[in-house]
């Protein structure tokens, strides 16, 4: 709709606004310039956007791009906690079911690596697997990683010491599922008014950029 207004509506006022160009608000000048650019150079703009999208898609398909995105998921504030909870819900569920059915810790860790689609988490499970091979125990691998939440570190250590690791991991997965649901619900409630505010701001800028110059023309005529 914004593109439609800029391409179709704004040009109809171009001749009118030319009479008071020096008195136009800054937003009107910027939008008039944007309107001219979209109408005159729409072909290179479309091809440029298509090329950018294709380049980004190509970059995301290679290993370097995937690794960068994986790293951002676990470092950017606001989304880090969400992805950490998602990854540990997946991994803890698999580990709980595997250990409960008699699968060895080493085989459980090897299988869990294939479940989580993030190279940093996979690297963590590979390091934990190596620690188990060296006889350091599963809890040692969890304790030494900064990616693991403190609650998981404490509960895994307790579960390993008490011999109740499958049950503890299942409880942890259920807990993080509830926390993730609450977090996503809260974010959706916050996003709705923010989106309405943004839309209102955009509409307000467009309308004011058209109405204010018309008022100035009316005063000039009067």
N, C-alpha and C. Protein backbone atom coordinates (compact mmCIF):
# COMPACT_ATOMS: atom_id res chain seq x y z
N UNK A 1 0.82 -1.21 0.00
CA UNK A 1 0.00 0.00 0.00
C UNK A 1 0.86 1.27 0.00
N UNK A 2 1.97 1.22 0.73
CA UNK A 2 2.87 2.38 0.74
C UNK A 2 3.44 2.62 -0.65
N UNK A 3 3.86 1.54 -1.31
CA UNK A 3 4.39 1.68 -2.69
C UNK A 3 3.31 2.22 -3.61
N UNK A 4 2.08 1.74 -3.46
CA UNK A 4 0.97 2.22 -4.29
C UNK A 4 0.76 3.72 -4.10
N UNK A 5 0.76 4.17 -2.85
CA UNK A 5 0.57 5.59 -2.56
C UNK A 5 1.70 6.42 -3.16
N UNK A 6 2.92 5.92 -3.04
CA UNK A 6 4.06 6.67 -3.55
C UNK A 6 4.07 6.73 -5.08
N UNK A 7 3.68 5.63 -5.72
CA UNK A 7 3.76 5.56 -7.18
C UNK A 7 2.54 6.18 -7.86
N UNK A 8 1.37 6.07 -7.25
CA UNK A 8 0.12 6.50 -7.90
C UNK A 8 -0.40 7.83 -7.34
N UNK A 9 -0.41 7.97 -6.02
CA UNK A 9 -1.05 9.13 -5.41
C UNK A 9 -0.13 10.36 -5.41
N UNK A 10 1.09 10.20 -4.95
CA UNK A 10 1.99 11.35 -4.83
C UNK A 10 2.25 12.08 -6.15
N UNK A 11 2.43 11.37 -7.28
CA UNK A 11 2.67 12.09 -8.53
C UNK A 11 1.53 13.04 -8.91
N UNK A 12 0.31 12.76 -8.47
CA UNK A 12 -0.83 13.64 -8.81
C UNK A 12 -0.71 15.01 -8.12
N UNK A 13 0.08 15.06 -7.06
CA UNK A 13 0.26 16.32 -6.34
C UNK A 13 1.58 17.01 -6.70
N UNK A 14 2.35 16.41 -7.61
CA UNK A 14 3.68 16.94 -7.91
C UNK A 14 3.62 18.38 -8.43
N UNK A 15 2.77 18.64 -9.42
CA UNK A 15 2.68 19.98 -9.98
C UNK A 15 2.18 20.99 -8.95
N UNK A 16 1.24 20.57 -8.13
CA UNK A 16 0.70 21.45 -7.10
C UNK A 16 1.77 21.82 -6.07
N UNK A 17 2.54 20.81 -5.65
CA UNK A 17 3.54 21.05 -4.62
C UNK A 17 4.75 21.80 -5.16
N UNK A 18 4.94 21.78 -6.47
CA UNK A 18 6.08 22.48 -7.07
C UNK A 18 6.00 23.98 -6.81
N UNK A 19 4.80 24.48 -6.64
CA UNK A 19 4.61 25.92 -6.40
C UNK A 19 5.15 26.36 -5.05
N UNK A 20 5.17 25.49 -4.11
CA UNK A 20 5.66 25.83 -2.76
C UNK A 20 6.78 24.87 -2.34
N UNK A 21 7.63 24.51 -3.27
CA UNK A 21 8.66 23.51 -3.01
C UNK A 21 9.53 23.86 -1.81
N UNK A 22 9.90 25.14 -1.71
CA UNK A 22 10.77 25.56 -0.61
C UNK A 22 10.08 25.52 0.75
N UNK A 23 8.74 25.48 0.75
CA UNK A 23 8.00 25.47 2.00
C UNK A 23 7.50 24.07 2.38
N UNK A 24 7.81 23.09 1.57
CA UNK A 24 7.33 21.74 1.85
C UNK A 24 8.02 21.17 3.09
N UNK A 25 7.30 20.38 3.89
CA UNK A 25 7.94 19.68 5.02
C UNK A 25 9.00 18.70 4.51
N UNK A 26 9.94 18.40 5.36
CA UNK A 26 11.03 17.49 4.97
C UNK A 26 10.50 16.12 4.58
N UNK A 27 9.49 15.64 5.30
CA UNK A 27 8.94 14.32 4.98
C UNK A 27 8.32 14.32 3.59
N UNK A 28 7.67 15.40 3.21
CA UNK A 28 7.06 15.48 1.88
C UNK A 28 8.13 15.46 0.80
N UNK A 29 9.20 16.21 1.02
CA UNK A 29 10.29 16.23 0.03
C UNK A 29 10.91 14.85 -0.13
N UNK A 30 11.13 14.17 0.98
CA UNK A 30 11.73 12.84 0.93
C UNK A 30 10.81 11.86 0.20
N UNK A 31 9.52 11.91 0.52
CA UNK A 31 8.57 11.00 -0.11
C UNK A 31 8.38 11.32 -1.59
N UNK A 32 8.41 12.60 -1.97
CA UNK A 32 8.32 12.96 -3.38
C UNK A 32 9.55 12.45 -4.14
N UNK A 33 10.72 12.59 -3.53
CA UNK A 33 11.94 12.07 -4.15
C UNK A 33 11.87 10.55 -4.29
N UNK A 34 11.39 9.88 -3.23
CA UNK A 34 11.24 8.41 -3.28
C UNK A 34 10.25 8.01 -4.37
N UNK A 35 9.17 8.76 -4.49
CA UNK A 35 8.17 8.49 -5.53
C UNK A 35 8.79 8.60 -6.92
N UNK A 36 9.57 9.64 -7.15
CA UNK A 36 10.23 9.81 -8.45
C UNK A 36 11.19 8.66 -8.74
N UNK A 37 11.95 8.25 -7.73
CA UNK A 37 12.91 7.15 -7.91
C UNK A 37 12.20 5.85 -8.25
N UNK A 38 11.10 5.57 -7.57
CA UNK A 38 10.36 4.33 -7.82
C UNK A 38 9.75 4.31 -9.22
N UNK A 39 9.27 5.45 -9.68
CA UNK A 39 8.63 5.50 -10.99
C UNK A 39 9.65 5.47 -12.13
N UNK A 40 10.78 6.13 -11.93
CA UNK A 40 11.76 6.23 -13.02
C UNK A 40 12.67 5.00 -13.07
N UNK A 41 13.07 4.52 -11.90
CA UNK A 41 14.07 3.45 -11.86
C UNK A 41 13.48 2.14 -11.31
N UNK A 42 12.21 1.88 -11.56
CA UNK A 42 11.59 0.69 -10.98
C UNK A 42 12.19 -0.60 -11.53
N UNK A 43 12.63 -0.59 -12.78
CA UNK A 43 13.20 -1.82 -13.36
C UNK A 43 14.51 -2.20 -12.66
N UNK A 44 15.50 -1.30 -12.59
CA UNK A 44 16.72 -1.70 -11.86
C UNK A 44 16.48 -1.97 -10.38
N UNK A 45 15.51 -1.28 -9.77
CA UNK A 45 15.21 -1.53 -8.36
C UNK A 45 14.69 -2.95 -8.17
N UNK A 46 13.76 -3.36 -9.05
CA UNK A 46 13.21 -4.72 -8.95
C UNK A 46 14.29 -5.77 -9.16
N UNK A 47 15.11 -5.57 -10.21
CA UNK A 47 16.17 -6.53 -10.48
C UNK A 47 17.22 -6.52 -9.36
N UNK A 48 17.49 -5.33 -8.80
CA UNK A 48 18.44 -5.26 -7.70
C UNK A 48 17.95 -6.00 -6.47
N UNK A 49 16.66 -5.83 -6.15
CA UNK A 49 16.09 -6.55 -5.00
C UNK A 49 16.11 -8.06 -5.23
N UNK A 50 15.77 -8.46 -6.47
CA UNK A 50 15.78 -9.89 -6.79
C UNK A 50 17.19 -10.46 -6.68
N UNK A 51 18.18 -9.70 -7.14
CA UNK A 51 19.56 -10.16 -7.05
C UNK A 51 20.01 -10.26 -5.60
N UNK A 52 19.62 -9.30 -4.77
CA UNK A 52 19.97 -9.34 -3.34
C UNK A 52 19.35 -10.55 -2.66
N UNK A 53 18.08 -10.81 -2.95
CA UNK A 53 17.40 -11.96 -2.35
C UNK A 53 18.06 -13.26 -2.78
N UNK A 54 18.41 -13.35 -4.07
CA UNK A 54 19.07 -14.55 -4.58
C UNK A 54 20.45 -14.73 -3.93
N UNK A 55 21.18 -13.62 -3.76
CA UNK A 55 22.51 -13.70 -3.15
C UNK A 55 22.42 -14.14 -1.69
N UNK A 56 21.43 -13.58 -0.97
CA UNK A 56 21.25 -13.98 0.43
C UNK A 56 20.87 -15.45 0.54
N UNK A 57 19.97 -15.88 -0.36
CA UNK A 57 19.58 -17.29 -0.36
C UNK A 57 20.75 -18.21 -0.66
N UNK A 58 21.60 -17.80 -1.60
CA UNK A 58 22.79 -18.59 -1.93
C UNK A 58 23.74 -18.65 -0.75
N UNK A 59 23.93 -17.50 -0.08
CA UNK A 59 24.83 -17.45 1.07
C UNK A 59 24.32 -18.32 2.22
N UNK A 60 23.01 -18.32 2.41
CA UNK A 60 22.43 -19.13 3.49
C UNK A 60 22.53 -20.63 3.20
N UNK A 61 22.69 -20.98 1.93
CA UNK A 61 22.75 -22.41 1.57
C UNK A 61 24.15 -23.00 1.74
N UNK A 62 25.17 -22.14 1.87
CA UNK A 62 26.53 -22.64 2.05
C UNK A 62 26.85 -22.75 3.54
N UNK A 63 27.90 -23.48 3.86
CA UNK A 63 28.21 -23.78 5.26
C UNK A 63 28.54 -22.51 6.05
N UNK A 64 29.28 -21.60 5.44
CA UNK A 64 29.65 -20.38 6.16
C UNK A 64 28.43 -19.56 6.56
N UNK A 65 27.47 -19.43 5.64
CA UNK A 65 26.24 -18.70 5.96
C UNK A 65 25.44 -19.38 7.05
N UNK A 66 25.33 -20.70 6.97
CA UNK A 66 24.59 -21.44 7.99
C UNK A 66 25.23 -21.30 9.36
N UNK A 67 26.57 -21.34 9.39
CA UNK A 67 27.27 -21.19 10.67
C UNK A 67 27.07 -19.80 11.26
N UNK A 68 27.07 -18.79 10.40
CA UNK A 68 26.86 -17.43 10.88
C UNK A 68 25.46 -17.27 11.48
N UNK A 69 24.45 -17.82 10.80
CA UNK A 69 23.08 -17.76 11.31
C UNK A 69 22.95 -18.54 12.61
N UNK A 70 23.58 -19.71 12.67
CA UNK A 70 23.56 -20.50 13.91
C UNK A 70 24.16 -19.72 15.07
N UNK A 71 25.25 -19.00 14.79
CA UNK A 71 25.90 -18.21 15.84
C UNK A 71 25.02 -17.05 16.28
N UNK A 72 24.36 -16.41 15.32
CA UNK A 72 23.48 -15.28 15.66
C UNK A 72 22.30 -15.74 16.51
N UNK A 73 21.78 -16.92 16.22
CA UNK A 73 20.65 -17.43 16.98
C UNK A 73 20.97 -17.57 18.46
N UNK A 74 22.24 -17.81 18.76
CA UNK A 74 22.63 -18.06 20.15
C UNK A 74 23.37 -16.88 20.78
N UNK A 75 23.41 -15.73 20.10
CA UNK A 75 24.10 -14.57 20.64
C UNK A 75 23.24 -13.31 20.66
N UNK A 76 22.28 -13.18 19.74
CA UNK A 76 21.49 -11.95 19.64
C UNK A 76 20.50 -11.88 20.81
N UNK A 77 20.56 -10.81 21.61
CA UNK A 77 19.61 -10.68 22.73
C UNK A 77 18.16 -10.64 22.23
N UNK A 78 17.28 -11.27 22.98
CA UNK A 78 15.88 -11.30 22.60
C UNK A 78 15.46 -12.60 21.95
N UNK A 79 16.32 -13.14 21.08
CA UNK A 79 16.00 -14.42 20.43
C UNK A 79 16.88 -15.55 20.96
N UNK A 80 17.98 -15.18 21.63
CA UNK A 80 18.90 -16.21 22.13
C UNK A 80 18.18 -17.19 23.05
N UNK A 81 17.43 -16.66 24.03
CA UNK A 81 16.78 -17.52 25.01
C UNK A 81 15.77 -18.45 24.35
N UNK A 82 15.08 -17.94 23.32
CA UNK A 82 14.09 -18.76 22.63
C UNK A 82 14.75 -19.96 21.96
N UNK A 83 15.84 -19.71 21.22
CA UNK A 83 16.49 -20.80 20.50
C UNK A 83 17.18 -21.76 21.46
N UNK A 84 17.74 -21.25 22.55
CA UNK A 84 18.34 -22.14 23.55
C UNK A 84 17.29 -23.09 24.10
N UNK A 85 16.12 -22.57 24.42
CA UNK A 85 15.06 -23.42 24.95
C UNK A 85 14.58 -24.43 23.90
N UNK A 86 14.44 -23.99 22.65
CA UNK A 86 14.02 -24.91 21.59
C UNK A 86 15.02 -26.05 21.44
N UNK A 87 16.30 -25.72 21.36
CA UNK A 87 17.33 -26.74 21.15
C UNK A 87 17.40 -27.72 22.32
N UNK A 88 17.27 -27.22 23.54
CA UNK A 88 17.39 -28.12 24.68
C UNK A 88 16.10 -28.91 24.92
N UNK A 89 14.98 -28.39 24.50
CA UNK A 89 13.75 -29.20 24.54
C UNK A 89 13.93 -30.41 23.62
N UNK A 90 14.41 -30.16 22.40
CA UNK A 90 14.62 -31.25 21.44
C UNK A 90 15.63 -32.26 21.95
N UNK A 91 16.78 -31.78 22.39
CA UNK A 91 17.86 -32.69 22.79
C UNK A 91 17.53 -33.44 24.08
N UNK A 92 16.97 -32.75 25.06
CA UNK A 92 16.67 -33.41 26.33
C UNK A 92 15.59 -34.47 26.17
N UNK A 93 14.62 -34.23 25.28
CA UNK A 93 13.59 -35.25 25.03
C UNK A 93 14.21 -36.51 24.45
N UNK A 94 15.07 -36.33 23.44
CA UNK A 94 15.71 -37.48 22.80
C UNK A 94 16.58 -38.23 23.80
N UNK A 95 17.35 -37.50 24.59
CA UNK A 95 18.23 -38.14 25.57
C UNK A 95 17.43 -38.86 26.63
N UNK A 96 16.34 -38.26 27.08
CA UNK A 96 15.51 -38.90 28.10
C UNK A 96 14.95 -40.23 27.60
N UNK A 97 14.38 -40.20 26.38
CA UNK A 97 13.80 -41.43 25.83
C UNK A 97 14.86 -42.48 25.55
N UNK A 98 16.02 -42.06 25.05
CA UNK A 98 17.08 -43.01 24.72
C UNK A 98 17.63 -43.68 25.97
N UNK A 99 17.97 -42.89 26.97
CA UNK A 99 18.52 -43.45 28.20
C UNK A 99 17.50 -44.32 28.92
N UNK A 100 16.22 -43.93 28.87
CA UNK A 100 15.18 -44.71 29.53
C UNK A 100 14.99 -46.08 28.88
N UNK A 101 15.35 -46.17 27.60
CA UNK A 101 15.20 -47.44 26.88
C UNK A 101 16.50 -48.22 26.76
N UNK A 102 17.48 -47.88 27.59
CA UNK A 102 18.68 -48.68 27.67
C UNK A 102 19.79 -48.33 26.70
N UNK A 103 19.67 -47.24 25.98
CA UNK A 103 20.73 -46.82 25.06
C UNK A 103 21.88 -46.25 25.88
N UNK A 104 23.10 -46.55 25.48
CA UNK A 104 24.25 -46.07 26.22
C UNK A 104 24.38 -44.54 26.10
N UNK A 105 25.11 -43.95 27.03
CA UNK A 105 25.28 -42.49 27.03
C UNK A 105 26.00 -42.04 25.77
N UNK A 106 27.01 -42.77 25.35
CA UNK A 106 27.77 -42.40 24.14
C UNK A 106 26.88 -42.44 22.92
N UNK A 107 26.11 -43.51 22.75
CA UNK A 107 25.21 -43.62 21.60
C UNK A 107 24.11 -42.57 21.66
N UNK A 108 23.66 -42.25 22.87
CA UNK A 108 22.63 -41.22 23.03
C UNK A 108 23.15 -39.86 22.57
N UNK A 109 24.36 -39.52 22.97
CA UNK A 109 24.95 -38.25 22.56
C UNK A 109 25.18 -38.20 21.06
N UNK A 110 25.62 -39.31 20.49
CA UNK A 110 25.85 -39.37 19.05
C UNK A 110 24.55 -39.18 18.28
N UNK A 111 23.47 -39.78 18.78
CA UNK A 111 22.18 -39.61 18.11
C UNK A 111 21.59 -38.23 18.30
N UNK A 112 21.83 -37.62 19.45
CA UNK A 112 21.28 -36.30 19.74
C UNK A 112 21.88 -35.24 18.83
N UNK A 113 23.13 -35.43 18.42
CA UNK A 113 23.78 -34.46 17.53
C UNK A 113 23.02 -34.29 16.22
N UNK A 114 22.37 -35.35 15.75
CA UNK A 114 21.65 -35.28 14.47
C UNK A 114 20.27 -34.65 14.60
N UNK A 115 19.80 -34.46 15.84
CA UNK A 115 18.46 -33.92 16.05
C UNK A 115 18.46 -32.40 15.98
N UNK A 116 19.46 -31.78 16.59
CA UNK A 116 19.51 -30.32 16.70
C UNK A 116 20.19 -29.73 15.47
N UNK A 117 19.54 -28.78 14.81
CA UNK A 117 20.06 -28.17 13.59
C UNK A 117 20.81 -26.88 13.92
N UNK A 118 21.89 -27.01 14.68
CA UNK A 118 22.73 -25.87 15.00
C UNK A 118 24.14 -26.40 15.26
N UNK A 119 25.12 -25.89 14.51
CA UNK A 119 26.46 -26.47 14.60
C UNK A 119 27.10 -26.23 15.96
N UNK A 120 26.75 -25.14 16.66
CA UNK A 120 27.32 -24.89 17.98
C UNK A 120 26.82 -25.90 19.01
N UNK A 121 25.53 -26.21 18.93
CA UNK A 121 24.97 -27.21 19.84
C UNK A 121 25.52 -28.59 19.50
N UNK A 122 25.67 -28.87 18.20
CA UNK A 122 26.27 -30.15 17.80
C UNK A 122 27.70 -30.27 18.31
N UNK A 123 28.43 -29.17 18.23
CA UNK A 123 29.80 -29.16 18.73
C UNK A 123 29.83 -29.41 20.24
N UNK A 124 28.86 -28.84 20.95
CA UNK A 124 28.77 -29.08 22.40
C UNK A 124 28.55 -30.56 22.69
N UNK A 125 27.64 -31.20 21.95
CA UNK A 125 27.39 -32.62 22.20
C UNK A 125 28.59 -33.48 21.80
N UNK A 126 29.31 -33.07 20.76
CA UNK A 126 30.53 -33.80 20.39
C UNK A 126 31.58 -33.70 21.48
N UNK A 127 31.73 -32.51 22.07
CA UNK A 127 32.69 -32.33 23.16
C UNK A 127 32.27 -33.13 24.39
N UNK A 128 30.96 -33.15 24.66
CA UNK A 128 30.46 -33.93 25.80
C UNK A 128 30.68 -35.42 25.57
N UNK A 129 30.48 -35.86 24.33
CA UNK A 129 30.74 -37.26 23.99
C UNK A 129 32.20 -37.62 24.22
N UNK A 130 33.08 -36.70 23.83
CA UNK A 130 34.51 -36.93 24.05
C UNK A 130 34.84 -36.99 25.55
N UNK A 131 34.18 -36.13 26.34
CA UNK A 131 34.40 -36.15 27.79
C UNK A 131 33.95 -37.47 28.39
N UNK A 132 32.85 -38.02 27.89
CA UNK A 132 32.37 -39.32 28.39
C UNK A 132 33.34 -40.42 28.02
N UNK A 133 33.89 -40.36 26.80
CA UNK A 133 34.90 -41.35 26.38
C UNK A 133 36.11 -41.32 27.30
N UNK A 134 36.44 -40.12 27.79
CA UNK A 134 37.60 -39.98 28.67
C UNK A 134 37.28 -40.31 30.12
N UNK A 135 36.02 -40.69 30.38
CA UNK A 135 35.63 -41.07 31.72
C UNK A 135 35.29 -39.93 32.65
N UNK A 136 35.07 -38.73 32.09
CA UNK A 136 34.76 -37.57 32.93
C UNK A 136 33.29 -37.46 33.29
N UNK A 137 32.44 -38.19 32.60
CA UNK A 137 31.03 -38.16 32.93
C UNK A 137 30.23 -37.17 32.10
N UNK A 138 28.94 -37.42 32.01
CA UNK A 138 28.06 -36.55 31.23
C UNK A 138 27.95 -35.16 31.84
N UNK A 139 27.85 -35.08 33.15
CA UNK A 139 27.68 -33.79 33.81
C UNK A 139 28.87 -32.87 33.58
N UNK A 140 30.06 -33.43 33.46
CA UNK A 140 31.25 -32.61 33.23
C UNK A 140 31.14 -31.87 31.90
N UNK A 141 30.65 -32.56 30.86
CA UNK A 141 30.48 -31.92 29.56
C UNK A 141 29.46 -30.79 29.61
N UNK A 142 28.37 -30.99 30.35
CA UNK A 142 27.36 -29.95 30.50
C UNK A 142 27.89 -28.76 31.30
N UNK A 143 28.64 -29.05 32.35
CA UNK A 143 29.14 -27.98 33.23
C UNK A 143 30.15 -27.09 32.51
N UNK A 144 30.89 -27.63 31.56
CA UNK A 144 31.97 -26.87 30.93
C UNK A 144 31.52 -26.05 29.73
N UNK A 145 30.24 -26.10 29.37
CA UNK A 145 29.76 -25.36 28.20
C UNK A 145 28.99 -24.11 28.61
N UNK A 146 29.32 -22.94 28.02
CA UNK A 146 28.57 -21.71 28.33
C UNK A 146 27.19 -21.67 27.67
N UNK A 147 26.93 -22.59 26.75
CA UNK A 147 25.64 -22.63 26.06
C UNK A 147 24.54 -23.23 26.93
N UNK A 148 24.92 -24.03 27.90
CA UNK A 148 23.95 -24.76 28.71
C UNK A 148 23.43 -23.86 29.83
N UNK A 149 22.11 -23.74 29.98
CA UNK A 149 21.54 -22.97 31.10
C UNK A 149 21.97 -23.56 32.44
N UNK A 150 22.07 -22.69 33.44
CA UNK A 150 22.52 -23.13 34.77
C UNK A 150 21.60 -24.20 35.34
N UNK A 151 20.30 -24.05 35.10
CA UNK A 151 19.35 -25.04 35.63
C UNK A 151 19.64 -26.43 35.07
N UNK A 152 19.94 -26.50 33.76
CA UNK A 152 20.24 -27.79 33.14
C UNK A 152 21.51 -28.38 33.73
N UNK A 153 22.53 -27.53 33.93
CA UNK A 153 23.78 -28.01 34.52
C UNK A 153 23.53 -28.63 35.89
N UNK A 154 22.76 -27.94 36.72
CA UNK A 154 22.52 -28.42 38.08
C UNK A 154 21.70 -29.71 38.08
N UNK A 155 20.65 -29.74 37.25
CA UNK A 155 19.76 -30.91 37.25
C UNK A 155 20.45 -32.13 36.64
N UNK A 156 21.25 -31.94 35.60
CA UNK A 156 21.95 -33.07 35.00
C UNK A 156 22.97 -33.64 35.98
N UNK A 157 23.66 -32.76 36.68
CA UNK A 157 24.62 -33.22 37.70
C UNK A 157 23.91 -34.02 38.79
N UNK A 158 22.78 -33.50 39.25
CA UNK A 158 22.00 -34.21 40.27
C UNK A 158 21.47 -35.54 39.75
N UNK A 159 20.96 -35.53 38.52
CA UNK A 159 20.43 -36.75 37.93
C UNK A 159 21.48 -37.82 37.74
N UNK A 160 22.68 -37.41 37.33
CA UNK A 160 23.76 -38.39 37.13
C UNK A 160 24.21 -38.98 38.46
N UNK A 161 24.28 -38.13 39.49
CA UNK A 161 24.71 -38.62 40.80
C UNK A 161 23.69 -39.56 41.42
N UNK A 162 22.40 -39.28 41.17
CA UNK A 162 21.34 -40.10 41.77
C UNK A 162 20.96 -41.29 40.89
N UNK A 163 21.48 -41.36 39.67
CA UNK A 163 21.14 -42.46 38.77
C UNK A 163 19.75 -42.33 38.17
N UNK A 164 19.19 -41.13 38.18
CA UNK A 164 17.83 -40.91 37.68
C UNK A 164 17.84 -39.93 36.50
N UNK A 165 18.85 -40.04 35.66
CA UNK A 165 19.07 -39.08 34.59
C UNK A 165 17.93 -39.03 33.57
N UNK A 166 17.36 -40.17 33.12
CA UNK A 166 16.26 -40.09 32.13
C UNK A 166 15.05 -39.30 32.66
N UNK A 167 14.69 -39.54 33.91
CA UNK A 167 13.53 -38.85 34.48
C UNK A 167 13.82 -37.36 34.62
N UNK A 168 15.01 -37.01 35.06
CA UNK A 168 15.38 -35.60 35.24
C UNK A 168 15.35 -34.87 33.90
N UNK A 169 15.90 -35.49 32.87
CA UNK A 169 15.91 -34.85 31.55
C UNK A 169 14.50 -34.69 30.99
N UNK A 170 13.65 -35.67 31.23
CA UNK A 170 12.26 -35.55 30.79
C UNK A 170 11.54 -34.40 31.49
N UNK A 171 11.80 -34.25 32.80
CA UNK A 171 11.19 -33.15 33.55
C UNK A 171 11.72 -31.80 33.05
N UNK A 172 13.01 -31.74 32.76
CA UNK A 172 13.59 -30.50 32.24
C UNK A 172 12.98 -30.11 30.90
N UNK A 173 12.81 -31.10 30.02
CA UNK A 173 12.22 -30.82 28.71
C UNK A 173 10.79 -30.29 28.86
N UNK A 174 10.03 -30.89 29.77
CA UNK A 174 8.65 -30.43 30.00
C UNK A 174 8.65 -29.01 30.58
N UNK A 175 9.57 -28.74 31.47
CA UNK A 175 9.65 -27.40 32.07
C UNK A 175 9.96 -26.35 31.01
N UNK A 176 10.94 -26.63 30.17
CA UNK A 176 11.30 -25.65 29.14
C UNK A 176 10.22 -25.51 28.07
N UNK A 177 9.46 -26.56 27.84
CA UNK A 177 8.31 -26.44 26.93
C UNK A 177 7.29 -25.44 27.46
N UNK A 178 7.00 -25.53 28.75
CA UNK A 178 6.06 -24.59 29.36
C UNK A 178 6.61 -23.17 29.32
N UNK A 179 7.90 -23.02 29.63
CA UNK A 179 8.52 -21.69 29.63
C UNK A 179 8.53 -21.10 28.22
N UNK A 180 8.79 -21.94 27.22
CA UNK A 180 8.82 -21.46 25.84
C UNK A 180 7.43 -21.01 25.39
N UNK A 181 6.41 -21.76 25.77
CA UNK A 181 5.03 -21.38 25.43
C UNK A 181 4.67 -20.04 26.05
N UNK A 182 5.03 -19.85 27.32
CA UNK A 182 4.76 -18.57 27.99
C UNK A 182 5.50 -17.43 27.30
N UNK A 183 6.76 -17.67 26.93
CA UNK A 183 7.57 -16.62 26.31
C UNK A 183 7.01 -16.22 24.96
N UNK A 184 6.63 -17.21 24.14
CA UNK A 184 6.09 -16.91 22.81
C UNK A 184 4.74 -16.22 22.91
N UNK A 185 3.93 -16.62 23.88
CA UNK A 185 2.64 -15.95 24.09
C UNK A 185 2.84 -14.49 24.46
N UNK A 186 3.80 -14.24 25.35
CA UNK A 186 4.09 -12.87 25.76
C UNK A 186 4.60 -12.04 24.58
N UNK A 187 5.48 -12.62 23.77
CA UNK A 187 6.03 -11.91 22.62
C UNK A 187 4.94 -11.58 21.60
N UNK A 188 4.00 -12.50 21.41
CA UNK A 188 2.91 -12.24 20.46
C UNK A 188 2.01 -11.12 20.95
N UNK A 189 1.81 -11.06 22.28
CA UNK A 189 0.99 -9.98 22.83
C UNK A 189 1.69 -8.63 22.70
N UNK A 190 3.02 -8.65 22.83
CA UNK A 190 3.78 -7.40 22.67
C UNK A 190 3.84 -6.98 21.21
N UNK A 191 3.96 -7.96 20.31
CA UNK A 191 4.13 -7.66 18.88
C UNK A 191 2.90 -7.00 18.28
N UNK A 192 1.71 -7.39 18.72
CA UNK A 192 0.48 -6.85 18.13
C UNK A 192 0.37 -5.33 18.29
N UNK A 193 0.49 -4.78 19.51
CA UNK A 193 0.42 -3.31 19.61
C UNK A 193 1.59 -2.61 18.93
N UNK A 194 2.77 -3.24 18.92
CA UNK A 194 3.91 -2.62 18.25
C UNK A 194 3.67 -2.52 16.74
N UNK A 195 3.08 -3.57 16.17
CA UNK A 195 2.78 -3.55 14.74
C UNK A 195 1.72 -2.49 14.42
N UNK A 196 0.71 -2.38 15.28
CA UNK A 196 -0.32 -1.35 15.09
C UNK A 196 0.29 0.04 15.20
N UNK A 197 1.19 0.21 16.17
CA UNK A 197 1.86 1.50 16.34
C UNK A 197 2.69 1.85 15.11
N UNK A 198 3.42 0.87 14.59
CA UNK A 198 4.24 1.10 13.40
C UNK A 198 3.38 1.46 12.19
N UNK A 199 2.28 0.71 12.02
CA UNK A 199 1.38 1.00 10.90
C UNK A 199 0.77 2.39 11.04
N UNK A 200 0.37 2.75 12.26
CA UNK A 200 -0.18 4.08 12.49
C UNK A 200 0.84 5.17 12.20
N UNK A 201 2.10 4.92 12.57
CA UNK A 201 3.16 5.89 12.31
C UNK A 201 3.37 6.08 10.81
N UNK A 202 3.39 4.97 10.05
CA UNK A 202 3.58 5.05 8.60
C UNK A 202 2.43 5.80 7.94
N UNK A 203 1.21 5.45 8.34
CA UNK A 203 0.04 6.12 7.77
C UNK A 203 0.05 7.60 8.14
N UNK A 204 0.41 7.90 9.39
CA UNK A 204 0.46 9.30 9.83
C UNK A 204 1.45 10.13 9.03
N UNK A 205 2.63 9.56 8.75
CA UNK A 205 3.63 10.27 7.97
C UNK A 205 3.13 10.51 6.54
N UNK A 206 2.51 9.49 5.95
CA UNK A 206 2.01 9.64 4.58
C UNK A 206 0.91 10.71 4.51
N UNK A 207 -0.03 10.63 5.43
CA UNK A 207 -1.16 11.57 5.41
C UNK A 207 -0.69 12.99 5.68
N UNK A 208 0.16 13.15 6.71
CA UNK A 208 0.63 14.50 7.04
C UNK A 208 1.48 15.08 5.91
N UNK A 209 2.20 14.23 5.21
CA UNK A 209 3.02 14.72 4.11
C UNK A 209 2.18 15.22 2.95
N UNK A 210 0.94 14.76 2.86
CA UNK A 210 0.02 15.26 1.83
C UNK A 210 -0.84 16.41 2.33
N UNK A 211 -1.30 16.32 3.56
CA UNK A 211 -2.25 17.30 4.07
C UNK A 211 -1.59 18.65 4.39
N UNK A 212 -0.43 18.65 5.02
CA UNK A 212 0.22 19.90 5.42
C UNK A 212 0.52 20.81 4.23
N UNK A 213 1.08 20.29 3.12
CA UNK A 213 1.28 21.18 1.96
C UNK A 213 -0.02 21.72 1.39
N UNK A 214 -1.09 20.92 1.43
CA UNK A 214 -2.38 21.40 0.93
C UNK A 214 -2.89 22.55 1.79
N UNK A 215 -2.71 22.47 3.11
CA UNK A 215 -3.10 23.58 3.99
C UNK A 215 -2.29 24.82 3.67
N UNK A 216 -1.02 24.68 3.39
CA UNK A 216 -0.19 25.84 3.05
C UNK A 216 -0.64 26.46 1.75
N UNK A 217 -1.02 25.61 0.76
CA UNK A 217 -1.54 26.14 -0.50
C UNK A 217 -2.85 26.88 -0.28
N UNK A 218 -3.68 26.34 0.59
CA UNK A 218 -4.97 27.01 0.87
C UNK A 218 -4.75 28.38 1.50
N UNK A 219 -3.79 28.47 2.42
CA UNK A 219 -3.49 29.76 3.04
C UNK A 219 -2.94 30.74 2.03
N UNK A 220 -2.10 30.22 1.11
CA UNK A 220 -1.53 31.10 0.10
C UNK A 220 -2.60 31.66 -0.83
N UNK A 221 -3.56 30.79 -1.19
CA UNK A 221 -4.66 31.23 -2.07
C UNK A 221 -5.50 32.25 -1.35
N UNK A 222 -5.80 32.02 -0.06
CA UNK A 222 -6.61 32.94 0.73
C UNK A 222 -5.92 34.30 0.85
